[in-house]
C-alpha atoms as a PDB file:
ATOM      1  CA  MET A   1     -20.706  46.999 143.742  1.00  0.00           C
ATOM      2  CA  LYS A   2     -16.864  48.367 142.706  1.00  0.00           C
ATOM      3  CA  PRO A   3     -15.683  46.871 139.842  1.00  0.00           C
ATOM      4  CA  GLN A   4     -12.124  44.704 140.615  1.00  0.00           C
ATOM      5  CA  PRO A   5      -9.546  47.533 139.324  1.00  0.00           C
ATOM      6  CA  VAL A   6      -7.400  45.753 136.190  1.00  0.00           C
ATOM      7  CA  THR A   7      -3.320  45.496 136.383  1.00  0.00           C
ATOM      8  CA  ILE A   8      -2.240  47.679 133.443  1.00  0.00           C
ATOM      9  CA  ASN A   9       1.216  46.111 133.524  1.00  0.00           C
ATOM     10  CA  THR A  10      -0.557  42.900 131.753  1.00  0.00           C
ATOM     11  CA  VAL A  11      -1.901  44.305 129.525  1.00  0.00           C
ATOM     12  CA  LYS A  12      -0.908  43.689 125.677  1.00  0.00           C
ATOM     13  CA  PRO A  13      -0.877  46.928 122.948  1.00  0.00           C
ATOM     14  CA  TYR A  14      -4.183  46.935 120.857  1.00  0.00           C
ATOM     15  CA  LYS A  15      -4.188  49.217 117.809  1.00  0.00           C
ATOM     16  CA  TYR A  16      -7.540  49.248 116.459  1.00  0.00           C
ATOM     17  CA  ILE A  17     -10.207  50.787 119.635  1.00  0.00           C
ATOM     18  CA  LEU A  18     -13.484  50.610 118.885  1.00  0.00           C
ATOM     19  CA  LEU A  19     -15.873  52.236 121.331  1.00  0.00           C
ATOM     20  CA  ASP A  20     -19.848  52.299 122.062  1.00  0.00           C
ATOM     21  CA  TRP A  21     -21.758  55.833 122.730  1.00  0.00           C
ATOM     22  CA  ASP A  22     -24.497  55.070 124.290  1.00  0.00           C
ATOM     23  CA  GLY A  23     -23.958  55.110 127.889  1.00  0.00           C
ATOM     24  CA  ASN A  24     -20.427  54.815 127.506  1.00  0.00           C
ATOM     25  CA  LEU A  25     -19.187  58.174 125.505  1.00  0.00           C
ATOM     26  CA  ALA A  26     -22.715  60.198 125.925  1.00  0.00           C
ATOM     27  CA  ARG A  27     -24.704  60.498 129.206  1.00  0.00           C
ATOM     28  CA  THR A  28     -27.800  59.202 127.325  1.00  0.00           C
ATOM     29  CA  LEU A  29     -28.876  56.271 130.045  1.00  0.00           C
ATOM     30  CA  ASP A  30     -30.355  58.729 132.308  1.00  0.00           C
ATOM     31  CA  ILE A  31     -32.592  60.438 129.115  1.00  0.00           C
ATOM     32  CA  TRP A  32     -33.579  56.851 128.285  1.00  0.00           C
ATOM     33  CA  LEU A  33     -34.755  56.049 131.898  1.00  0.00           C
ATOM     34  CA  ALA A  34     -36.557  59.186 132.633  1.00  0.00           C
ATOM     35  CA  ALA A  35     -38.438  58.825 128.928  1.00  0.00           C
ATOM     36  CA  LEU A  36     -39.447  55.224 130.260  1.00  0.00           C
ATOM     37  CA  LYS A  37     -40.489  57.030 133.599  1.00  0.00           C
ATOM     38  CA  THR A  38     -43.067  58.905 131.657  1.00  0.00           C
ATOM     39  CA  PRO A  39     -45.200  56.586 130.326  1.00  0.00           C
ATOM     40  CA  LEU A  40     -45.125  54.289 133.513  1.00  0.00           C
ATOM     41  CA  GLU A  41     -46.394  57.416 136.100  1.00  0.00           C
ATOM     42  CA  LYS A  42     -49.269  58.636 133.777  1.00  0.00           C
ATOM     43  CA  ARG A  43     -50.608  54.766 133.799  1.00  0.00           C
ATOM     44  CA  GLY A  44     -50.178  54.940 137.351  1.00  0.00           C
ATOM     45  CA  HIS A  45     -47.209  53.029 137.710  1.00  0.00           C
ATOM     46  CA  SER A  46     -44.572  53.626 140.030  1.00  0.00           C
ATOM     47  CA  PHE A  47     -41.153  51.501 140.033  1.00  0.00           C
ATOM     48  CA  SER A  48     -37.946  51.944 141.188  1.00  0.00           C
ATOM     49  CA  ASP A  49     -34.551  53.205 139.012  1.00  0.00           C
ATOM     50  CA  GLU A  50     -32.964  49.334 139.272  1.00  0.00           C
ATOM     51  CA  GLU A  51     -36.215  47.498 138.220  1.00  0.00           C
ATOM     52  CA  ILE A  52     -37.416  49.813 134.834  1.00  0.00           C
ATOM     53  CA  GLY A  53     -33.916  48.635 133.410  1.00  0.00           C
ATOM     54  CA  ALA A  54     -31.295  50.403 131.430  1.00  0.00           C
ATOM     55  CA  ASN A  55     -32.942  49.641 127.940  1.00  0.00           C
ATOM     56  CA  PHE A  56     -36.357  48.772 125.714  1.00  0.00           C
ATOM     57  CA  THR A  57     -35.270  45.246 126.001  1.00  0.00           C
ATOM     58  CA  VAL A  58     -34.596  45.095 129.596  1.00  0.00           C
ATOM     59  CA  PHE A  59     -37.699  47.536 129.843  1.00  0.00           C
ATOM     60  CA  GLY A  60     -40.280  45.246 128.383  1.00  0.00           C
ATOM     61  CA  GLU A  61     -39.147  42.215 129.634  1.00  0.00           C
ATOM     62  CA  ARG A  62     -39.437  43.249 133.299  1.00  0.00           C
ATOM     63  CA  MET A  63     -42.471  45.003 132.189  1.00  0.00           C
ATOM     64  CA  LYS A  64     -44.067  41.883 131.110  1.00  0.00           C
ATOM     65  CA  ALA A  65     -43.445  40.221 134.209  1.00  0.00           C
ATOM     66  CA  LEU A  66     -44.428  42.401 136.083  1.00  0.00           C
ATOM     67  CA  GLY A  67     -48.206  42.144 134.157  1.00  0.00           C
ATOM     68  CA  ILE A  68     -48.102  44.920 132.217  1.00  0.00           C
ATOM     69  CA  THR A  69     -49.783  44.068 128.914  1.00  0.00           C
ATOM     70  CA  ASP A  70     -49.132  47.804 126.725  1.00  0.00           C
ATOM     71  CA  VAL A  71     -45.366  47.590 126.861  1.00  0.00           C
ATOM     72  CA  GLU A  72     -45.198  47.975 123.384  1.00  0.00           C
ATOM     73  CA  ASP A  73     -47.362  51.238 123.424  1.00  0.00           C
ATOM     74  CA  MET A  74     -45.222  52.798 126.227  1.00  0.00           C
ATOM     75  CA  ILE A  75     -41.884  51.829 124.869  1.00  0.00           C
ATOM     76  CA  ALA A  76     -43.464  53.588 121.476  1.00  0.00           C
ATOM     77  CA  GLU A  77     -44.294  56.803 123.837  1.00  0.00           C
ATOM     78  CA  ALA A  78     -40.945  56.515 126.004  1.00  0.00           C
ATOM     79  CA  ASP A  79     -38.737  56.434 121.739  1.00  0.00           C
ATOM     80  CA  ALA A  80     -40.698  59.557 121.173  1.00  0.00           C
ATOM     81  CA  ILE A  81     -39.726  61.082 124.415  1.00  0.00           C
ATOM     82  CA  ALA A  82     -35.857  60.157 124.437  1.00  0.00           C
ATOM     83  CA  THR A  83     -35.274  60.906 120.529  1.00  0.00           C
ATOM     84  CA  ARG A  84     -36.223  64.621 121.434  1.00  0.00           C
ATOM     85  CA  GLU A  85     -33.871  64.948 123.808  1.00  0.00           C
ATOM     86  CA  VAL A  86     -30.877  62.799 123.141  1.00  0.00           C
ATOM     87  CA  PRO A  87     -29.649  65.764 120.879  1.00  0.00           C
ATOM     88  CA  ASN A  88     -29.346  67.773 124.582  1.00  0.00           C
ATOM     89  CA  VAL A  89     -26.819  64.515 125.862  1.00  0.00           C
ATOM     90  CA  GLU A  90     -23.560  65.372 127.495  1.00  0.00           C
ATOM     91  CA  LEU A  91     -20.629  63.425 127.255  1.00  0.00           C
ATOM     92  CA  TYR A  92     -19.080  61.526 130.018  1.00  0.00           C
ATOM     93  CA  PRO A  93     -15.998  62.996 131.790  1.00  0.00           C
ATOM     94  CA  ASP A  94     -12.676  62.714 130.132  1.00  0.00           C
ATOM     95  CA  ALA A  95     -14.328  60.813 127.278  1.00  0.00           C
ATOM     96  CA  LEU A  96     -13.291  63.790 124.663  1.00  0.00           C
ATOM     97  CA  THR A  97      -9.786  63.780 126.321  1.00  0.00           C
ATOM     98  CA  THR A  98      -9.725  59.722 126.075  1.00  0.00           C
ATOM     99  CA  LEU A  99     -10.289  60.357 122.208  1.00  0.00           C
ATOM    100  CA  GLU A 100      -7.812  63.101 121.470  1.00  0.00           C
ATOM    101  CA  ALA A 101      -5.858  60.958 123.772  1.00  0.00           C
ATOM    102  CA  LEU A 102      -5.909  57.579 121.643  1.00  0.00           C
ATOM    103  CA  GLN A 103      -5.897  59.916 118.348  1.00  0.00           C
ATOM    104  CA  LYS A 104      -2.583  61.017 119.174  1.00  0.00           C
ATOM    105  CA  ALA A 105      -0.820  57.940 120.136  1.00  0.00           C
ATOM    106  CA  GLY A 106      -1.871  57.015 116.522  1.00  0.00           C
ATOM    107  CA  LYS A 107      -4.598  54.073 117.137  1.00  0.00           C
ATOM    108  CA  LYS A 108      -6.908  54.134 115.069  1.00  0.00           C
ATOM    109  CA  VAL A 109     -10.335  54.670 116.530  1.00  0.00           C
ATOM    110  CA  ALA A 110     -13.522  53.528 115.426  1.00  0.00           C
ATOM    111  CA  LEU A 111     -17.612  54.640 117.359  1.00  0.00           C
ATOM    112  CA  VAL A 112     -19.529  51.379 116.986  1.00  0.00           C
ATOM    113  CA  THR A 113     -23.227  52.241 117.870  1.00  0.00           C
ATOM    114  CA  THR A 114     -26.221  50.768 117.291  1.00  0.00           C
ATOM    115  CA  SER A 115     -27.841  54.246 116.889  1.00  0.00           C
ATOM    116  CA  ARG A 116     -28.520  55.733 113.323  1.00  0.00           C
ATOM    117  CA  HIS A 117     -26.554  58.355 111.256  1.00  0.00           C
ATOM    118  CA  ASP A 118     -29.125  60.815 111.777  1.00  0.00           C
ATOM    119  CA  GLN A 119     -29.132  60.548 115.290  1.00  0.00           C
ATOM    120  CA  ILE A 120     -25.412  60.406 115.583  1.00  0.00           C
ATOM    121  CA  ASP A 121     -23.895  63.039 113.381  1.00  0.00           C
ATOM    122  CA  PRO A 122     -25.330  66.092 114.494  1.00  0.00           C
ATOM    123  CA  LEU A 123     -23.784  65.257 117.922  1.00  0.00           C
ATOM    124  CA  LEU A 124     -20.368  64.270 116.223  1.00  0.00           C
ATOM    125  CA  ASP A 125     -20.799  67.285 114.930  1.00  0.00           C
ATOM    126  CA  LYS A 126     -21.923  69.635 118.341  1.00  0.00           C
ATOM    127  CA  TYR A 127     -19.009  67.842 119.760  1.00  0.00           C
ATOM    128  CA  ARG A 128     -16.714  68.432 117.298  1.00  0.00           C
ATOM    129  CA  LEU A 129     -16.079  64.548 117.299  1.00  0.00           C
ATOM    130  CA  GLN A 130     -15.529  63.746 113.699  1.00  0.00           C
ATOM    131  CA  GLY A 131     -11.916  64.448 113.638  1.00  0.00           C
ATOM    132  CA  LEU A 132     -11.613  61.994 116.891  1.00  0.00           C
ATOM    133  CA  PHE A 133     -12.928  58.951 114.610  1.00  0.00           C
ATOM    134  CA  ASP A 134     -10.811  57.096 111.861  1.00  0.00           C
ATOM    135  CA  LEU A 135     -14.491  55.365 111.271  1.00  0.00           C
ATOM    136  CA  VAL A 136     -17.954  55.375 112.434  1.00  0.00           C
ATOM    137  CA  VAL A 137     -20.166  52.044 112.099  1.00  0.00           C
ATOM    138  CA  CYS A 138     -23.977  52.738 112.847  1.00  0.00           C
ATOM    139  CA  GLY A 139     -27.014  50.692 113.058  1.00  0.00           C
ATOM    140  CA  ASP A 140     -27.913  51.540 109.545  1.00  0.00           C
ATOM    141  CA  ASP A 141     -24.842  50.301 107.851  1.00  0.00           C
ATOM    142  CA  VAL A 142     -25.194  46.790 109.207  1.00  0.00           C
ATOM    143  CA  SER A 143     -27.979  44.424 108.964  1.00  0.00           C
ATOM    144  CA  ASN A 144     -27.573  42.935 112.896  1.00  0.00           C
ATOM    145  CA  HIS A 145     -27.215  44.816 115.497  1.00  0.00           C
ATOM    146  CA  LYS A 146     -25.114  44.094 118.715  1.00  0.00           C
ATOM    147  CA  PRO A 147     -24.780  41.578 120.292  1.00  0.00           C
ATOM    148  CA  HIS A 148     -24.092  40.505 116.613  1.00  0.00           C
ATOM    149  CA  PRO A 149     -20.534  40.603 115.483  1.00  0.00           C
ATOM    150  CA  GLU A 150     -21.150  42.101 112.368  1.00  0.00           C
ATOM    151  CA  ALA A 151     -20.937  45.442 113.401  1.00  0.00           C
ATOM    152  CA  ILE A 152     -17.382  45.206 114.830  1.00  0.00           C
ATOM    153  CA  GLU A 153     -16.266  42.433 112.099  1.00  0.00           C
ATOM    154  CA  LYS A 154     -17.139  45.342 109.734  1.00  0.00           C
ATOM    155  CA  ALA A 155     -14.959  48.016 111.433  1.00  0.00           C
ATOM    156  CA  ILE A 156     -12.136  45.349 111.456  1.00  0.00           C
ATOM    157  CA  THR A 157     -12.397  44.827 108.265  1.00  0.00           C
ATOM    158  CA  LEU A 158     -12.752  48.360 106.950  1.00  0.00           C
ATOM    159  CA  PHE A 159      -9.810  49.227 109.285  1.00  0.00           C
ATOM    160  CA  GLY A 160      -7.970  46.260 107.240  1.00  0.00           C
ATOM    161  CA  GLY A 161      -6.854  45.338 110.874  1.00  0.00           C
ATOM    162  CA  THR A 162      -6.853  41.511 112.804  1.00  0.00           C
ATOM    163  CA  LYS A 163      -9.109  40.616 115.633  1.00  0.00           C
ATOM    164  CA  ASP A 164      -5.957  39.770 118.426  1.00  0.00           C
ATOM    165  CA  ALA A 165      -5.228  43.860 117.681  1.00  0.00           C
ATOM    166  CA  THR A 166      -8.876  45.177 118.267  1.00  0.00           C
ATOM    167  CA  VAL A 167     -10.786  45.963 121.729  1.00  0.00           C
ATOM    168  CA  MET A 168     -14.043  47.036 121.984  1.00  0.00           C
ATOM    169  CA  VAL A 169     -15.192  49.181 124.813  1.00  0.00           C
ATOM    170  CA  GLY A 170     -18.531  49.387 125.961  1.00  0.00           C
ATOM    171  CA  ASP A 171     -20.640  49.952 128.992  1.00  0.00           C
ATOM    172  CA  SER A 172     -23.358  47.079 128.840  1.00  0.00           C
ATOM    173  CA  GLY A 173     -23.878  43.113 128.230  1.00  0.00           C
ATOM    174  CA  SER A 174     -24.788  43.548 124.524  1.00  0.00           C
ATOM    175  CA  ASP A 175     -21.490  45.560 123.886  1.00  0.00           C
ATOM    176  CA  ILE A 176     -19.469  42.670 125.727  1.00  0.00           C
ATOM    177  CA  LYS A 177     -21.178  39.741 123.774  1.00  0.00           C
ATOM    178  CA  GLY A 178     -20.424  41.327 120.567  1.00  0.00           C
ATOM    179  CA  ALA A 179     -16.972  41.323 121.683  1.00  0.00           C
ATOM    180  CA  ASN A 180     -17.341  37.990 122.782  1.00  0.00           C
ATOM    181  CA  ASN A 181     -18.988  36.951 119.138  1.00  0.00           C
ATOM    182  CA  ALA A 182     -16.355  38.434 117.230  1.00  0.00           C
ATOM    183  CA  GLY A 183     -14.072  36.792 119.216  1.00  0.00           C
ATOM    184  CA  VAL A 184     -12.153  40.611 120.255  1.00  0.00           C
ATOM    185  CA  ASP A 185     -11.185  41.994 123.797  1.00  0.00           C
ATOM    186  CA  SER A 186     -13.464  43.696 125.694  1.00  0.00           C
ATOM    187  CA  ILE A 187     -13.138  46.633 128.119  1.00  0.00           C
ATOM    188  CA  LEU A 188     -16.722  47.190 130.531  1.00  0.00           C
ATOM    189  CA  PHE A 189     -17.121  51.505 131.156  1.00  0.00           C
ATOM    190  CA  PHE A 190     -18.696  50.809 134.467  1.00  0.00           C
ATOM    191  CA  PRO A 191     -18.942  53.550 136.288  1.00  0.00           C
ATOM    192  CA  PRO A 192     -20.824  54.116 139.965  1.00  0.00           C
ATOM    193  CA  GLU A 193     -23.699  56.083 138.858  1.00  0.00           C
ATOM    194  CA  HIS A 194     -24.311  52.992 136.416  1.00  0.00           C
ATOM    195  CA  THR A 195     -25.350  50.446 139.206  1.00  0.00           C
ATOM    196  CA  LYS A 196     -28.945  51.763 138.728  1.00  0.00           C
ATOM    197  CA  PHE A 197     -29.074  50.345 134.975  1.00  0.00           C
ATOM    198  CA  TYR A 198     -26.612  47.355 135.309  1.00  0.00           C
ATOM    199  CA  ASP A 199     -26.019  44.287 137.555  1.00  0.00           C
ATOM    200  CA  ILE A 200     -22.380  43.912 137.598  1.00  0.00           C
ATOM    201  CA  GLU A 201     -22.498  40.820 138.682  1.00  0.00           C
ATOM    202  CA  LYS A 202     -24.183  39.560 135.913  1.00  0.00           C
ATOM    203  CA  LEU A 203     -21.689  41.713 133.633  1.00  0.00           C
ATOM    204  CA  ARG A 204     -19.082  40.297 134.763  1.00  0.00           C
ATOM    205  CA  GLN A 205     -20.893  36.811 133.982  1.00  0.00           C
ATOM    206  CA  LEU A 206     -20.177  37.583 130.256  1.00  0.00           C
ATOM    207  CA  GLN A 207     -15.914  37.606 131.109  1.00  0.00           C
ATOM    208  CA  PRO A 208     -15.003  41.047 129.616  1.00  0.00           C
ATOM    209  CA  THR A 209     -11.151  41.157 129.572  1.00  0.00           C
ATOM    210  CA  TYR A 210     -11.241  44.130 131.526  1.00  0.00           C
ATOM    211  CA  ILE A 211     -13.430  46.385 134.091  1.00  0.00           C
ATOM    212  CA  VAL A 212     -12.479  49.725 134.457  1.00  0.00           C
ATOM    213  CA  ASP A 213     -14.653  53.133 136.604  1.00  0.00           C
ATOM    214  CA  ASP A 214     -12.416  55.818 134.750  1.00  0.00           C
ATOM    215  CA  PHE A 215     -12.072  56.127 131.398  1.00  0.00           C
ATOM    216  CA  ARG A 216      -8.751  57.619 131.369  1.00  0.00           C
ATOM    217  CA  ASP A 217      -7.531  53.933 132.191  1.00  0.00           C
ATOM    218  CA  ILE A 218      -8.592  53.384 128.777  1.00  0.00           C
ATOM    219  CA  VAL A 219      -5.603  55.132 127.332  1.00  0.00           C
ATOM    220  CA  ARG A 220      -2.999  52.944 129.597  1.00  0.00           C
ATOM    221  CA  LEU A 221      -4.907  49.959 129.177  1.00  0.00           C
ATOM    222  CA  VAL A 222      -4.441  49.673 125.553  1.00  0.00           C
ATOM    223  CA  SER A 223      -1.171  51.080 125.243  1.00  0.00           C
END
């Protein structure tokens, strides 16, 4: 189902823009999905994309519910496969131009991700994104990952910002829950291809402040 369009002329301006990496700026969801399929197929299992899930947590829950007992071993195998492939990840269309537009608009922009610095930093260099982020908060910078609010609150504190001027942009329930837990507004990025990873109605129930299917809408939403 296509996300409901946002009403651009009723939004408030934001100064601090926090963005997730996986499935939001970078097209890593297909990498994780392919990696999860490999140990399943090796064991003779065949499931649809929707049955497999978008991340290891969802995958684990669904496979255990189906009676599969060696889920942790499969996750370890998939993690090794995905780790090899992540350096080849592509950015979503308009991700780079959106970051450039946010910088030009004078916004303070932070990358807030559960991925580690040793995973993220080479990719920021590869795509020449280092100069487009004022701040990078990775999973190894905090003790608790999203949906815990620690990473979001850390970014706001480092900016010397305020929650009412901050918005979190992400693709998953963890991003939206993290924003809710931190007391900040959120933008759910849900392009058509994400229907095979997430249930849009479940994401709507988390009450993101806005939903967009075009990354360029983010610039208009925060300006």
